[in-house]
Amino acid sequence: MADRELLDRYAPTIDAMETKEAYLLDGELYIRHEFRDPRELQTRMTYHKVGEDNVVSNDNLVMLGVWARAQKQGERVK
């Protein structure tokens, strides 16, 4: 079971409508972020390692291999 303190810290990101999947691995939160690109009107998916600041940005993108490891070894929280 995930640590309550970690879940409370990441609650805004986990509960966001754009967060489709979330995993905890080694005290870090990894998410699949899905959003609609306003210019192209296409749905986009990005994968992020969310830091202490709880911000999802292009600065914390992860490669698909890292995301796959989080899915396989991490604890699913959403």
N, C-alpha and C. Protein backbone atom coordinates (compact mmCIF):
# COMPACT_ATOMS: atom_id res chain seq x y z
N MET A 1 0.84 -1.19 0.00
CA MET A 1 0.00 0.00 0.00
C MET A 1 0.88 1.25 0.00
N ALA A 2 0.49 2.21 -0.79
CA ALA A 2 1.26 3.44 -0.92
C ALA A 2 1.24 4.23 0.39
N ASP A 3 2.33 4.93 0.63
CA ASP A 3 2.47 5.76 1.82
C ASP A 3 1.48 6.93 1.75
N ARG A 4 0.69 7.11 2.79
CA ARG A 4 -0.34 8.15 2.82
C ARG A 4 0.27 9.54 2.62
N GLU A 5 1.45 9.79 3.18
CA GLU A 5 2.09 11.09 3.05
C GLU A 5 2.42 11.39 1.58
N LEU A 6 2.92 10.39 0.86
CA LEU A 6 3.20 10.57 -0.57
C LEU A 6 1.92 10.83 -1.35
N LEU A 7 0.89 10.07 -1.06
CA LEU A 7 -0.39 10.26 -1.75
C LEU A 7 -0.97 11.65 -1.49
N ASP A 8 -0.86 12.12 -0.25
CA ASP A 8 -1.35 13.46 0.07
C ASP A 8 -0.57 14.54 -0.66
N ARG A 9 0.75 14.35 -0.76
CA ARG A 9 1.60 15.34 -1.42
C ARG A 9 1.27 15.42 -2.92
N TYR A 10 1.03 14.27 -3.54
CA TYR A 10 0.77 14.23 -4.98
C TYR A 10 -0.72 14.26 -5.34
N ALA A 11 -1.59 14.43 -4.37
CA ALA A 11 -3.04 14.37 -4.61
C ALA A 11 -3.53 15.30 -5.73
N PRO A 12 -3.08 16.56 -5.79
CA PRO A 12 -3.58 17.42 -6.89
C PRO A 12 -3.24 16.88 -8.28
N THR A 13 -2.06 16.31 -8.42
CA THR A 13 -1.65 15.76 -9.72
C THR A 13 -2.40 14.47 -10.02
N ILE A 14 -2.53 13.61 -9.03
CA ILE A 14 -3.23 12.33 -9.23
C ILE A 14 -4.70 12.57 -9.56
N ASP A 15 -5.32 13.54 -8.91
CA ASP A 15 -6.74 13.80 -9.10
C ASP A 15 -7.06 14.62 -10.36
N ALA A 16 -6.05 15.18 -11.00
CA ALA A 16 -6.27 16.02 -12.19
C ALA A 16 -6.92 15.19 -13.30
N MET A 17 -7.82 15.81 -14.03
CA MET A 17 -8.53 15.11 -15.10
C MET A 17 -7.57 14.65 -16.21
N GLU A 18 -6.48 15.38 -16.43
CA GLU A 18 -5.53 15.04 -17.48
C GLU A 18 -4.65 13.84 -17.11
N THR A 19 -4.57 13.50 -15.83
CA THR A 19 -3.77 12.35 -15.40
C THR A 19 -4.60 11.09 -15.59
N LYS A 20 -4.16 10.24 -16.52
CA LYS A 20 -4.91 9.04 -16.85
C LYS A 20 -4.40 7.81 -16.11
N GLU A 21 -3.09 7.76 -15.82
CA GLU A 21 -2.49 6.66 -15.07
C GLU A 21 -1.43 7.26 -14.16
N ALA A 22 -1.24 6.65 -13.00
CA ALA A 22 -0.21 7.12 -12.07
C ALA A 22 0.35 5.94 -11.29
N TYR A 23 1.68 5.93 -11.15
CA TYR A 23 2.37 4.86 -10.44
C TYR A 23 3.40 5.47 -9.49
N LEU A 24 3.54 4.86 -8.32
CA LEU A 24 4.60 5.23 -7.38
C LEU A 24 5.70 4.19 -7.47
N LEU A 25 6.93 4.66 -7.66
CA LEU A 25 8.09 3.78 -7.72
C LEU A 25 9.23 4.47 -6.99
N ASP A 26 9.72 3.84 -5.95
CA ASP A 26 10.84 4.38 -5.15
C ASP A 26 10.56 5.80 -4.66
N GLY A 27 9.33 6.06 -4.24
CA GLY A 27 8.98 7.37 -3.68
C GLY A 27 8.76 8.45 -4.71
N GLU A 28 8.77 8.11 -5.98
CA GLU A 28 8.56 9.07 -7.06
C GLU A 28 7.25 8.75 -7.77
N LEU A 29 6.58 9.78 -8.25
CA LEU A 29 5.32 9.61 -8.97
C LEU A 29 5.57 9.70 -10.47
N TYR A 30 5.09 8.72 -11.20
CA TYR A 30 5.16 8.69 -12.66
C TYR A 30 3.73 8.71 -13.19
N ILE A 31 3.46 9.59 -14.16
CA ILE A 31 2.10 9.72 -14.66
C ILE A 31 2.07 9.69 -16.19
N ARG A 32 0.89 9.28 -16.69
CA ARG A 32 0.58 9.44 -18.11
C ARG A 32 -0.37 10.61 -18.19
N HIS A 33 0.05 11.66 -18.85
CA HIS A 33 -0.70 12.91 -18.95
C HIS A 33 -1.31 12.97 -20.34
N GLU A 34 -2.62 13.12 -20.41
CA GLU A 34 -3.33 13.16 -21.69
C GLU A 34 -4.05 14.50 -21.80
N PHE A 35 -3.82 15.19 -22.91
CA PHE A 35 -4.43 16.50 -23.09
C PHE A 35 -4.73 16.74 -24.56
N ARG A 36 -5.55 17.72 -24.80
CA ARG A 36 -5.92 18.07 -26.18
C ARG A 36 -5.05 19.24 -26.62
N ASP A 37 -4.32 19.04 -27.69
CA ASP A 37 -3.47 20.09 -28.26
C ASP A 37 -4.37 21.16 -28.88
N PRO A 38 -4.32 22.39 -28.37
CA PRO A 38 -5.25 23.42 -28.86
C PRO A 38 -5.00 23.84 -30.30
N ARG A 39 -3.78 23.71 -30.79
CA ARG A 39 -3.49 24.13 -32.17
C ARG A 39 -3.94 23.07 -33.18
N GLU A 40 -3.65 21.82 -32.88
CA GLU A 40 -3.95 20.76 -33.84
C GLU A 40 -5.25 20.02 -33.53
N LEU A 41 -5.84 20.30 -32.38
CA LEU A 41 -7.07 19.65 -31.93
C LEU A 41 -6.93 18.13 -31.92
N GLN A 42 -5.77 17.66 -31.52
CA GLN A 42 -5.47 16.24 -31.40
C GLN A 42 -5.21 15.92 -29.93
N THR A 43 -5.54 14.71 -29.53
CA THR A 43 -5.22 14.26 -28.18
C THR A 43 -3.76 13.85 -28.14
N ARG A 44 -3.03 14.32 -27.13
CA ARG A 44 -1.62 14.02 -26.96
C ARG A 44 -1.41 13.32 -25.63
N MET A 45 -0.43 12.41 -25.59
CA MET A 45 -0.06 11.73 -24.35
C MET A 45 1.42 11.99 -24.09
N THR A 46 1.74 12.32 -22.87
CA THR A 46 3.12 12.48 -22.46
C THR A 46 3.31 11.75 -21.14
N TYR A 47 4.54 11.41 -20.85
CA TYR A 47 4.87 10.64 -19.64
C TYR A 47 5.83 11.45 -18.80
N HIS A 48 5.54 11.58 -17.50
CA HIS A 48 6.29 12.47 -16.64
C HIS A 48 6.69 11.80 -15.33
N LYS A 49 7.82 12.26 -14.79
CA LYS A 49 8.22 11.94 -13.42
C LYS A 49 7.98 13.23 -12.65
N VAL A 50 7.00 13.21 -11.77
CA VAL A 50 6.58 14.42 -11.06
C VAL A 50 7.49 14.62 -9.84
N GLY A 51 8.03 15.80 -9.72
CA GLY A 51 8.95 16.11 -8.62
C GLY A 51 8.23 16.69 -7.42
N GLU A 52 9.02 17.20 -6.49
CA GLU A 52 8.51 17.78 -5.25
C GLU A 52 7.56 18.95 -5.50
N ASP A 53 7.77 19.67 -6.61
CA ASP A 53 6.96 20.85 -6.89
C ASP A 53 5.57 20.51 -7.41
N ASN A 54 5.33 19.22 -7.74
CA ASN A 54 4.02 18.74 -8.17
C ASN A 54 3.56 19.40 -9.47
N VAL A 55 4.50 19.72 -10.34
CA VAL A 55 4.19 20.40 -11.60
C VAL A 55 4.45 19.45 -12.76
N VAL A 56 3.52 19.40 -13.69
CA VAL A 56 3.67 18.60 -14.91
C VAL A 56 4.07 19.56 -16.02
N SER A 57 5.31 19.42 -16.50
CA SER A 57 5.80 20.30 -17.56
C SER A 57 6.72 19.52 -18.49
N ASN A 58 7.17 20.17 -19.54
CA ASN A 58 8.08 19.52 -20.48
C ASN A 58 9.45 19.27 -19.86
N ASP A 59 9.73 19.88 -18.73
CA ASP A 59 11.02 19.68 -18.06
C ASP A 59 11.12 18.33 -17.37
N ASN A 60 10.00 17.67 -17.10
CA ASN A 60 10.07 16.39 -16.39
C ASN A 60 9.51 15.23 -17.21
N LEU A 61 9.67 15.30 -18.52
CA LEU A 61 9.28 14.19 -19.40
C LEU A 61 10.22 13.01 -19.18
N VAL A 62 9.69 11.80 -19.33
CA VAL A 62 10.52 10.60 -19.24
C VAL A 62 10.38 9.79 -20.53
N MET A 63 11.38 8.97 -20.79
CA MET A 63 11.37 8.10 -21.97
C MET A 63 10.40 6.94 -21.72
N LEU A 64 9.96 6.31 -22.78
CA LEU A 64 9.01 5.21 -22.66
C LEU A 64 9.57 4.03 -21.87
N GLY A 65 10.87 3.81 -21.92
CA GLY A 65 11.48 2.73 -21.13
C GLY A 65 11.34 2.97 -19.64
N VAL A 66 11.51 4.20 -19.22
CA VAL A 66 11.34 4.56 -17.81
C VAL A 66 9.88 4.39 -17.41
N TRP A 67 8.97 4.83 -18.27
CA TRP A 67 7.54 4.69 -18.01
C TRP A 67 7.15 3.21 -17.90
N ALA A 68 7.70 2.38 -18.78
CA ALA A 68 7.40 0.95 -18.74
C ALA A 68 7.88 0.32 -17.44
N ARG A 69 9.05 0.73 -16.96
CA ARG A 69 9.56 0.21 -15.68
C ARG A 69 8.66 0.64 -14.52
N ALA A 70 8.18 1.88 -14.56
CA ALA A 70 7.26 2.36 -13.52
C ALA A 70 5.96 1.56 -13.54
N GLN A 71 5.46 1.26 -14.72
CA GLN A 71 4.23 0.45 -14.84
C GLN A 71 4.45 -0.95 -14.31
N LYS A 72 5.58 -1.52 -14.63
CA LYS A 72 5.83 -2.92 -14.28
C LYS A 72 6.20 -3.10 -12.80
N GLN A 73 7.04 -2.20 -12.27
CA GLN A 73 7.55 -2.38 -10.92
C GLN A 73 6.88 -1.49 -9.89
N GLY A 74 6.20 -0.45 -10.33
CA GLY A 74 5.60 0.50 -9.40
C GLY A 74 4.23 0.07 -8.91
N GLU A 75 3.72 0.84 -7.96
CA GLU A 75 2.39 0.59 -7.41
C GLU A 75 1.41 1.55 -8.07
N ARG A 76 0.39 1.00 -8.68
CA ARG A 76 -0.61 1.82 -9.38
C ARG A 76 -1.47 2.56 -8.35
N VAL A 77 -1.54 3.88 -8.53
CA VAL A 77 -2.38 4.69 -7.63
C VAL A 77 -3.53 5.36 -8.38
N LYS A 78 -3.52 5.26 -9.70
CA LYS A 78 -4.67 5.72 -10.51
C LYS A 78 -4.68 4.98 -11.80
